[in-house]
């Protein structure tokens, strides 16, 4: 049986979170492009900005871990 280190596990979690966040960002962009109601436009603007910030953080963290 092979065990993984804490660092390897953290790298795996970061990469998985990056994939999920990228998908969430793609979904937010798609929703923003397909909505016409002004209230929903504002909602998706905030959602896109929020997910962009999370994605930026995760990419920075991945760079720190030299992924």
PDB file of N, CA and C in Angstrom:
ATOM      1  N   UNK A   1       0.849  -1.176   0.000  1.00  0.00           N
ATOM      2  CA  UNK A   1       0.000   0.000   0.000  1.00  0.00           C
ATOM      3  C   UNK A   1       0.896   1.241   0.000  1.00  0.00           C
ATOM      4  N   UNK A   2       0.519   2.203  -0.837  1.00  0.00           N
ATOM      5  CA  UNK A   2       1.317   3.426  -0.922  1.00  0.00           C
ATOM      6  C   UNK A   2       0.542   4.584  -0.289  1.00  0.00           C
ATOM      7  N   UNK A   3       1.218   5.305   0.564  1.00  0.00           N
ATOM      8  CA  UNK A   3       0.613   6.442   1.230  1.00  0.00           C
ATOM      9  C   UNK A   3       1.083   7.724   0.557  1.00  0.00           C
ATOM     10  N   UNK A   4       0.211   8.739   0.604  1.00  0.00           N
ATOM     11  CA  UNK A   4       0.613  10.035   0.053  1.00  0.00           C
ATOM     12  C   UNK A   4       0.937  10.978   1.204  1.00  0.00           C
ATOM     13  N   UNK A   5       1.802  11.903   0.922  1.00  0.00           N
ATOM     14  CA  UNK A   5       2.186  12.872   1.953  1.00  0.00           C
ATOM     15  C   UNK A   5       1.127  13.949   2.085  1.00  0.00           C
ATOM     16  N   UNK A   6       1.223  14.706   3.145  1.00  0.00           N
ATOM     17  CA  UNK A   6       0.309  15.827   3.364  1.00  0.00           C
ATOM     18  C   UNK A   6       0.433  16.833   2.226  1.00  0.00           C
ATOM     19  N   UNK A   7       1.652  17.087   1.773  1.00  0.00           N
ATOM     20  CA  UNK A   7       1.877  18.039   0.678  1.00  0.00           C
ATOM     21  C   UNK A   7       1.236  17.548  -0.615  1.00  0.00           C
ATOM     22  N   UNK A   8       1.345  16.259  -0.902  1.00  0.00           N
ATOM     23  CA  UNK A   8       0.727  15.698  -2.107  1.00  0.00           C
ATOM     24  C   UNK A   8      -0.795  15.790  -2.029  1.00  0.00           C
ATOM     25  N   UNK A   9      -1.326  15.536  -0.845  1.00  0.00           N
ATOM     26  CA  UNK A   9      -2.771  15.631  -0.651  1.00  0.00           C
ATOM     27  C   UNK A   9      -3.248  17.070  -0.838  1.00  0.00           C
ATOM     28  N   UNK A  10      -2.495  18.017  -0.302  1.00  0.00           N
ATOM     29  CA  UNK A  10      -2.862  19.425  -0.462  1.00  0.00           C
ATOM     30  C   UNK A  10      -2.826  19.822  -1.931  1.00  0.00           C
ATOM     31  N   UNK A  11      -1.840  19.356  -2.669  1.00  0.00           N
ATOM     32  CA  UNK A  11      -1.758  19.646  -4.105  1.00  0.00           C
ATOM     33  C   UNK A  11      -2.971  19.081  -4.834  1.00  0.00           C
ATOM     34  N   UNK A  12      -3.335  17.863  -4.484  1.00  0.00           N
ATOM     35  CA  UNK A  12      -4.509  17.241  -5.091  1.00  0.00           C
ATOM     36  C   UNK A  12      -5.765  18.070  -4.821  1.00  0.00           C
ATOM     37  N   UNK A  13      -5.935  18.513  -3.580  1.00  0.00           N
ATOM     38  CA  UNK A  13      -7.110  19.307  -3.222  1.00  0.00           C
ATOM     39  C   UNK A  13      -7.143  20.639  -3.969  1.00  0.00           C
ATOM     40  N   UNK A  14      -5.998  21.298  -4.091  1.00  0.00           N
ATOM     41  CA  UNK A  14      -5.933  22.572  -4.807  1.00  0.00           C
ATOM     42  C   UNK A  14      -6.300  22.373  -6.274  1.00  0.00           C
ATOM     43  N   UNK A  15      -5.735  21.345  -6.903  1.00  0.00           N
ATOM     44  CA  UNK A  15      -6.019  21.096  -8.318  1.00  0.00           C
ATOM     45  C   UNK A  15      -7.504  20.769  -8.531  1.00  0.00           C
ATOM     46  N   UNK A  16      -8.083  19.995  -7.638  1.00  0.00           N
ATOM     47  CA  UNK A  16      -9.501  19.661  -7.742  1.00  0.00           C
ATOM     48  C   UNK A  16     -10.359  20.909  -7.565  1.00  0.00           C
ATOM     49  N   UNK A  17      -9.980  21.756  -6.617  1.00  0.00           N
ATOM     50  CA  UNK A  17     -10.729  22.997  -6.383  1.00  0.00           C
ATOM     51  C   UNK A  17     -10.593  23.947  -7.572  1.00  0.00           C
ATOM     52  N   UNK A  18      -9.427  23.977  -8.205  1.00  0.00           N
ATOM     53  CA  UNK A  18      -9.246  24.806  -9.400  1.00  0.00           C
ATOM     54  C   UNK A  18     -10.189  24.334 -10.501  1.00  0.00           C
ATOM     55  N   UNK A  19     -10.304  23.032 -10.695  1.00  0.00           N
ATOM     56  CA  UNK A  19     -11.203  22.501 -11.723  1.00  0.00           C
ATOM     57  C   UNK A  19     -12.657  22.869 -11.430  1.00  0.00           C
ATOM     58  N   UNK A  20     -13.078  22.700 -10.176  1.00  0.00           N
ATOM     59  CA  UNK A  20     -14.457  23.047  -9.811  1.00  0.00           C
ATOM     60  C   UNK A  20     -14.717  24.543  -9.981  1.00  0.00           C
ATOM     61  N   UNK A  21     -13.744  25.354  -9.604  1.00  0.00           N
ATOM     62  CA  UNK A  21     -13.902  26.805  -9.693  1.00  0.00           C
ATOM     63  C   UNK A  21     -13.930  27.254 -11.148  1.00  0.00           C
ATOM     64  N   UNK A  22     -13.120  26.643 -11.992  1.00  0.00           N
ATOM     65  CA  UNK A  22     -13.130  26.961 -13.424  1.00  0.00           C
ATOM     66  C   UNK A  22     -14.497  26.656 -14.020  1.00  0.00           C
ATOM     67  N   UNK A  23     -15.079  25.530 -13.633  1.00  0.00           N
ATOM     68  CA  UNK A  23     -16.412  25.175 -14.118  1.00  0.00           C
ATOM     69  C   UNK A  23     -17.453  26.171 -13.607  1.00  0.00           C
ATOM     70  N   UNK A  24     -17.341  26.567 -12.355  1.00  0.00           N
ATOM     71  CA  UNK A  24     -18.268  27.557 -11.788  1.00  0.00           C
ATOM     72  C   UNK A  24     -18.132  28.891 -12.516  1.00  0.00           C
ATOM     73  N   UNK A  25     -16.913  29.259 -12.871  1.00  0.00           N
ATOM     74  CA  UNK A  25     -16.684  30.509 -13.600  1.00  0.00           C
ATOM     75  C   UNK A  25     -17.300  30.432 -14.995  1.00  0.00           C
ATOM     76  N   UNK A  26     -17.106  29.327 -15.671  1.00  0.00           N
ATOM     77  CA  UNK A  26     -17.724  29.136 -16.988  1.00  0.00           C
ATOM     78  C   UNK A  26     -19.244  29.227 -16.897  1.00  0.00           C
ATOM     79  N   UNK A  27     -19.822  28.612 -15.870  1.00  0.00           N
ATOM     80  CA  UNK A  27     -21.274  28.666 -15.668  1.00  0.00           C
ATOM     81  C   UNK A  27     -21.746  30.084 -15.383  1.00  0.00           C
ATOM     82  N   UNK A  28     -21.005  30.807 -14.567  1.00  0.00           N
ATOM     83  CA  UNK A  28     -21.385  32.184 -14.226  1.00  0.00           C
ATOM     84  C   UNK A  28     -21.342  33.072 -15.474  1.00  0.00           C
ATOM     85  N   UNK A  29     -20.294  32.913 -16.295  1.00  0.00           N
ATOM     86  CA  UNK A  29     -20.222  33.679 -17.550  1.00  0.00           C
ATOM     87  C   UNK A  29     -21.397  33.338 -18.462  1.00  0.00           C
ATOM     88  N   UNK A  30     -21.720  32.068 -18.574  1.00  0.00           N
ATOM     89  CA  UNK A  30     -22.829  31.636 -19.421  1.00  0.00           C
ATOM     90  C   UNK A  30     -24.152  32.216 -18.924  1.00  0.00           C
ATOM     91  N   UNK A  31     -24.375  32.138 -17.617  1.00  0.00           N
ATOM     92  CA  UNK A  31     -25.609  32.701 -17.046  1.00  0.00           C
ATOM     93  C   UNK A  31     -25.684  34.198 -17.289  1.00  0.00           C
ATOM     94  N   UNK A  32     -24.574  34.891 -17.116  1.00  0.00           N
ATOM     95  CA  UNK A  32     -24.547  36.341 -17.325  1.00  0.00           C
ATOM     96  C   UNK A  32     -24.893  36.688 -18.772  1.00  0.00           C
ATOM     97  N   UNK A  33     -24.377  35.925 -19.704  1.00  0.00           N
ATOM     98  CA  UNK A  33     -24.614  36.208 -21.119  1.00  0.00           C
ATOM     99  C   UNK A  33     -26.043  35.919 -21.559  1.00  0.00           C
ATOM    100  N   UNK A  34     -26.751  35.092 -20.797  1.00  0.00           N
ATOM    101  CA  UNK A  34     -28.087  34.665 -21.215  1.00  0.00           C
ATOM    102  C   UNK A  34     -29.225  35.296 -20.428  1.00  0.00           C
ATOM    103  N   UNK A  35     -28.922  36.226 -19.572  1.00  0.00           N
ATOM    104  CA  UNK A  35     -29.966  36.819 -18.732  1.00  0.00           C
ATOM    105  C   UNK A  35     -30.308  38.221 -19.243  1.00  0.00           C
ATOM    106  N   UNK A  36     -31.571  38.615 -19.081  1.00  0.00           N
ATOM    107  CA  UNK A  36     -32.004  39.945 -19.527  1.00  0.00           C
ATOM    108  C   UNK A  36     -32.576  40.796 -18.394  1.00  0.00           C
ATOM    109  N   UNK A  37     -32.992  40.185 -17.316  1.00  0.00           N
ATOM    110  CA  UNK A  37     -33.561  40.926 -16.191  1.00  0.00           C
ATOM    111  C   UNK A  37     -32.461  41.713 -15.479  1.00  0.00           C
ATOM    112  N   UNK A  38     -32.650  43.019 -15.275  1.00  0.00           N
ATOM    113  CA  UNK A  38     -31.607  43.842 -14.649  1.00  0.00           C
ATOM    114  C   UNK A  38     -31.144  43.341 -13.274  1.00  0.00           C
ATOM    115  N   UNK A  39     -32.081  42.834 -12.475  1.00  0.00           N
ATOM    116  CA  UNK A  39     -31.698  42.317 -11.156  1.00  0.00           C
ATOM    117  C   UNK A  39     -30.800  41.087 -11.282  1.00  0.00           C
ATOM    118  N   UNK A  40     -31.116  40.238 -12.243  1.00  0.00           N
ATOM    119  CA  UNK A  40     -30.295  39.048 -12.443  1.00  0.00           C
ATOM    120  C   UNK A  40     -28.948  39.396 -13.068  1.00  0.00           C
ATOM    121  N   UNK A  41     -28.913  40.430 -13.883  1.00  0.00           N
ATOM    122  CA  UNK A  41     -27.634  40.882 -14.443  1.00  0.00           C
ATOM    123  C   UNK A  41     -26.699  41.271 -13.305  1.00  0.00           C
ATOM    124  N   UNK A  42     -27.217  42.050 -12.359  1.00  0.00           N
ATOM    125  CA  UNK A  42     -26.411  42.440 -11.194  1.00  0.00           C
ATOM    126  C   UNK A  42     -25.959  41.213 -10.408  1.00  0.00           C
ATOM    127  N   UNK A  43     -26.868  40.283 -10.223  1.00  0.00           N
ATOM    128  CA  UNK A  43     -26.553  39.054  -9.484  1.00  0.00           C
ATOM    129  C   UNK A  43     -25.392  38.315 -10.136  1.00  0.00           C
ATOM    130  N   UNK A  44     -25.432  38.161 -11.440  1.00  0.00           N
ATOM    131  CA  UNK A  44     -24.381  37.409 -12.126  1.00  0.00           C
ATOM    132  C   UNK A  44     -23.081  38.199 -12.229  1.00  0.00           C
ATOM    133  N   UNK A  45     -23.172  39.521 -12.242  1.00  0.00           N
ATOM    134  CA  UNK A  45     -21.941  40.320 -12.194  1.00  0.00           C
ATOM    135  C   UNK A  45     -21.209  40.030 -10.884  1.00  0.00           C
ATOM    136  N   UNK A  46     -21.935  40.040  -9.778  1.00  0.00           N
ATOM    137  CA  UNK A  46     -21.326  39.749  -8.480  1.00  0.00           C
ATOM    138  C   UNK A  46     -20.808  38.314  -8.414  1.00  0.00           C
ATOM    139  N   UNK A  47     -21.569  37.395  -8.987  1.00  0.00           N
ATOM    140  CA  UNK A  47     -21.139  35.995  -8.973  1.00  0.00           C
ATOM    141  C   UNK A  47     -19.845  35.817  -9.770  1.00  0.00           C
ATOM    142  N   UNK A  48     -19.779  36.429 -10.958  1.00  0.00           N
ATOM    143  CA  UNK A  48     -18.566  36.332 -11.773  1.00  0.00           C
ATOM    144  C   UNK A  48     -17.377  36.910 -11.022  1.00  0.00           C
ATOM    145  N   UNK A  49     -17.554  38.086 -10.435  1.00  0.00           N
ATOM    146  CA  UNK A  49     -16.451  38.719  -9.696  1.00  0.00           C
ATOM    147  C   UNK A  49     -16.004  37.845  -8.527  1.00  0.00           C
ATOM    148  N   UNK A  50     -16.946  37.278  -7.819  1.00  0.00           N
ATOM    149  CA  UNK A  50     -16.629  36.434  -6.674  1.00  0.00           C
ATOM    150  C   UNK A  50     -15.839  35.194  -7.097  1.00  0.00           C
ATOM    151  N   UNK A  51     -16.308  34.517  -8.115  1.00  0.00           N
ATOM    152  CA  UNK A  51     -15.635  33.300  -8.562  1.00  0.00           C
ATOM    153  C   UNK A  51     -14.271  33.636  -9.170  1.00  0.00           C
ATOM    154  N   UNK A  52     -14.171  34.780  -9.830  1.00  0.00           N
ATOM    155  CA  UNK A  52     -12.871  35.213 -10.369  1.00  0.00           C
ATOM    156  C   UNK A  52     -11.855  35.375  -9.241  1.00  0.00           C
ATOM    157  N   UNK A  53     -12.276  35.968  -8.142  1.00  0.00           N
ATOM    158  CA  UNK A  53     -11.379  36.164  -7.004  1.00  0.00           C
ATOM    159  C   UNK A  53     -10.923  34.826  -6.428  1.00  0.00           C
ATOM    160  N   UNK A  54     -11.853  33.882  -6.303  1.00  0.00           N
ATOM    161  CA  UNK A  54     -11.493  32.567  -5.786  1.00  0.00           C
ATOM    162  C   UNK A  54     -10.522  31.878  -6.732  1.00  0.00           C
ATOM    163  N   UNK A  55     -10.772  31.968  -8.027  1.00  0.00           N
ATOM    164  CA  UNK A  55      -9.898  31.347  -9.032  1.00  0.00           C
ATOM    165  C   UNK A  55      -8.504  31.959  -8.970  1.00  0.00           C
ATOM    166  N   UNK A  56      -8.450  33.270  -8.848  1.00  0.00           N
ATOM    167  CA  UNK A  56      -7.163  33.965  -8.745  1.00  0.00           C
ATOM    168  C   UNK A  56      -6.398  33.490  -7.507  1.00  0.00           C
ATOM    169  N   UNK A  57      -7.082  33.368  -6.382  1.00  0.00           N
ATOM    170  CA  UNK A  57      -6.452  32.885  -5.149  1.00  0.00           C
ATOM    171  C   UNK A  57      -5.903  31.474  -5.333  1.00  0.00           C
ATOM    172  N   UNK A  58      -6.712  30.592  -5.925  1.00  0.00           N
ATOM    173  CA  UNK A  58      -6.286  29.205  -6.100  1.00  0.00           C
ATOM    174  C   UNK A  58      -5.081  29.092  -7.033  1.00  0.00           C
ATOM    175  N   UNK A  59      -5.064  29.895  -8.089  1.00  0.00           N
ATOM    176  CA  UNK A  59      -3.914  29.874  -8.991  1.00  0.00           C
ATOM    177  C   UNK A  59      -2.651  30.365  -8.280  1.00  0.00           C
ATOM    178  N   UNK A  60      -2.817  31.386  -7.442  1.00  0.00           N
ATOM    179  CA  UNK A  60      -1.682  31.883  -6.656  1.00  0.00           C
ATOM    180  C   UNK A  60      -1.183  30.798  -5.707  1.00  0.00           C
ATOM    181  N   UNK A  61      -2.118  30.114  -5.067  1.00  0.00           N
ATOM    182  CA  UNK A  61      -1.758  29.044  -4.126  1.00  0.00           C
ATOM    183  C   UNK A  61      -1.057  27.891  -4.854  1.00  0.00           C
ATOM    184  N   UNK A  62      -1.544  27.549  -6.045  1.00  0.00           N
ATOM    185  CA  UNK A  62      -0.926  26.492  -6.831  1.00  0.00           C
ATOM    186  C   UNK A  62       0.498  26.884  -7.230  1.00  0.00           C
ATOM    187  N   UNK A  63       0.682  28.143  -7.554  1.00  0.00           N
ATOM    188  CA  UNK A  63       2.012  28.613  -7.916  1.00  0.00           C
ATOM    189  C   UNK A  63       2.950  28.510  -6.709  1.00  0.00           C
ATOM    190  N   UNK A  64       2.450  28.851  -5.531  1.00  0.00           N
ATOM    191  CA  UNK A  64       3.253  28.745  -4.316  1.00  0.00           C
ATOM    192  C   UNK A  64       3.661  27.291  -4.047  1.00  0.00           C
ATOM    193  N   UNK A  65       2.788  26.358  -4.404  1.00  0.00           N
ATOM    194  CA  UNK A  65       3.089  24.941  -4.202  1.00  0.00           C
ATOM    195  C   UNK A  65       3.861  24.355  -5.382  1.00  0.00           C
ATOM    196  N   UNK A  66       4.141  25.194  -6.344  1.00  0.00           N
ATOM    197  CA  UNK A  66       4.897  24.813  -7.546  1.00  0.00           C
ATOM    198  C   UNK A  66       4.212  23.683  -8.309  1.00  0.00           C
ATOM    199  N   UNK A  67       2.906  23.887  -8.552  1.00  0.00           N
ATOM    200  CA  UNK A  67       2.148  22.892  -9.323  1.00  0.00           C
ATOM    201  C   UNK A  67       2.249  23.160 -10.807  1.00  0.00           C
TER     202      UNK A  67
END
